[in-house]
């Protein structure tokens, strides 16, 4: 239920804005990698502006995801260590309960 609310309240308006942005920015724009010679055809690409905007958005999401993943590394390591500790305690408890089990005499 919560996922459906998030989709309706966040993703649908975001999709509408992105579609409107793409329709409004269809004109071809030159993007050059040579600041000293902007007319160099080897280092210039002409694409619609919305392609550059979407590319910047995707690159930003990718870089942000990588930064978040690295920042949360210590928490993943702690969770792994604690999971191993829990498994060791469960194993020790099983061994202890099997040794203390009453035998039929």
Protein backbone atom coordinates (compact mmCIF):
# COMPACT_ATOMS: atom_id res chain seq x y z
CA UNK A 1 0.00 0.00 0.00
CA UNK A 2 2.80 2.39 0.91
CA UNK A 3 4.61 1.67 -2.36
CA UNK A 4 1.51 2.56 -4.34
CA UNK A 5 1.19 5.88 -2.48
CA UNK A 6 4.86 6.70 -3.12
CA UNK A 7 4.44 5.93 -6.82
CA UNK A 8 1.37 8.13 -7.12
CA UNK A 9 2.66 11.05 -5.03
CA UNK A 10 6.29 11.12 -6.19
CA UNK A 11 6.95 9.28 -9.41
CA UNK A 12 3.89 10.31 -11.41
CA UNK A 13 4.44 14.09 -10.93
CA UNK A 14 8.17 13.60 -11.54
CA UNK A 15 7.43 11.78 -14.79
CA UNK A 16 5.07 14.56 -15.88
CA UNK A 17 7.71 17.22 -15.18
CA UNK A 18 10.41 15.25 -17.03
CA UNK A 19 8.17 14.73 -20.06
CA UNK A 20 7.30 18.43 -20.11
CA UNK A 21 11.00 19.29 -19.82
CA UNK A 22 11.86 17.00 -22.72
CA UNK A 23 9.13 18.47 -24.93
CA UNK A 24 10.13 22.06 -24.11
CA UNK A 25 13.86 21.49 -24.80
CA UNK A 26 13.90 19.72 -28.15
CA UNK A 27 16.19 22.22 -29.89
CA UNK A 28 19.64 20.99 -30.87
CA UNK A 29 22.43 22.31 -28.68
CA UNK A 30 26.17 22.02 -29.24
CA UNK A 31 28.27 20.52 -26.46
CA UNK A 32 32.00 20.95 -26.89
CA UNK A 33 34.86 19.55 -24.85
CA UNK A 34 37.42 22.06 -26.14
CA UNK A 35 36.98 25.44 -24.39
CA UNK A 36 39.74 27.11 -26.44
CA UNK A 37 38.39 26.12 -29.87
CA UNK A 38 34.60 25.76 -29.58
CA UNK A 39 34.18 25.18 -33.31
CA UNK A 40 36.29 21.99 -33.33
CA UNK A 41 33.97 19.39 -34.92
CA UNK A 42 35.95 16.47 -33.50
CA UNK A 43 35.14 17.43 -29.91
CA UNK A 44 31.63 18.81 -30.42
CA UNK A 45 28.37 16.89 -30.18
CA UNK A 46 24.98 18.30 -31.13
CA UNK A 47 22.02 16.76 -29.34
CA UNK A 48 18.71 18.06 -27.99
CA UNK A 49 19.09 19.86 -24.67
CA UNK A 50 16.92 17.37 -22.78
CA UNK A 51 19.43 14.60 -23.59
CA UNK A 52 22.14 16.56 -21.78
CA UNK A 53 19.81 17.23 -18.86
CA UNK A 54 18.83 13.57 -18.52
CA UNK A 55 22.47 12.51 -18.86
CA UNK A 56 23.44 14.91 -16.06
CA UNK A 57 20.61 13.54 -13.92
CA UNK A 58 21.71 9.93 -14.49
CA UNK A 59 25.36 10.72 -13.83
CA UNK A 60 24.39 12.53 -10.61
CA UNK A 61 22.31 9.58 -9.46
CA UNK A 62 25.15 7.17 -10.26
CA UNK A 63 27.79 9.22 -8.42
CA UNK A 64 25.44 9.72 -5.46
CA UNK A 65 24.71 6.00 -5.28
CA UNK A 66 28.40 5.14 -5.27
CA UNK A 67 29.14 7.74 -2.58
CA UNK A 68 26.30 6.41 -0.42
CA UNK A 69 27.45 2.83 -0.91
CA UNK A 70 30.98 3.71 0.26
CA UNK A 71 29.72 5.75 3.21
CA UNK A 72 27.55 2.86 4.42
CA UNK A 73 30.34 0.29 4.14
CA UNK A 74 31.11 0.27 7.84
CA UNK A 75 27.46 -0.43 8.69
CA UNK A 76 27.40 -3.37 6.28
CA UNK A 77 30.60 -4.69 7.86
CA UNK A 78 29.14 -4.37 11.38
CA UNK A 79 25.94 -6.12 10.26
CA UNK A 80 27.98 -8.97 8.75
CA UNK A 81 30.04 -9.34 11.93
CA UNK A 82 26.92 -9.42 14.08
CA UNK A 83 25.25 -11.96 11.80
CA UNK A 84 28.31 -14.19 12.18
CA UNK A 85 28.20 -13.72 15.94
CA UNK A 86 24.51 -14.68 16.03
CA UNK A 87 25.22 -17.80 13.97
CA UNK A 88 28.06 -18.77 16.33
CA UNK A 89 25.77 -18.30 19.35
CA UNK A 90 23.04 -20.41 17.72
CA UNK A 91 25.53 -23.15 16.95
CA UNK A 92 26.85 -23.08 20.52
CA UNK A 93 23.27 -23.18 21.88
CA UNK A 94 22.42 -26.19 19.70
CA UNK A 95 25.53 -28.03 20.86
CA UNK A 96 24.79 -27.18 24.48
CA UNK A 97 21.17 -28.31 24.25
CA UNK A 98 22.12 -31.57 22.51
CA UNK A 99 24.66 -32.36 25.25
CA UNK A 100 22.21 -31.59 28.06
CA UNK A 101 19.30 -33.49 26.52
CA UNK A 102 17.96 -36.20 28.84
CA UNK A 103 18.64 -39.72 27.77
CA UNK A 104 16.15 -42.57 28.06
CA UNK A 105 17.37 -45.04 30.67
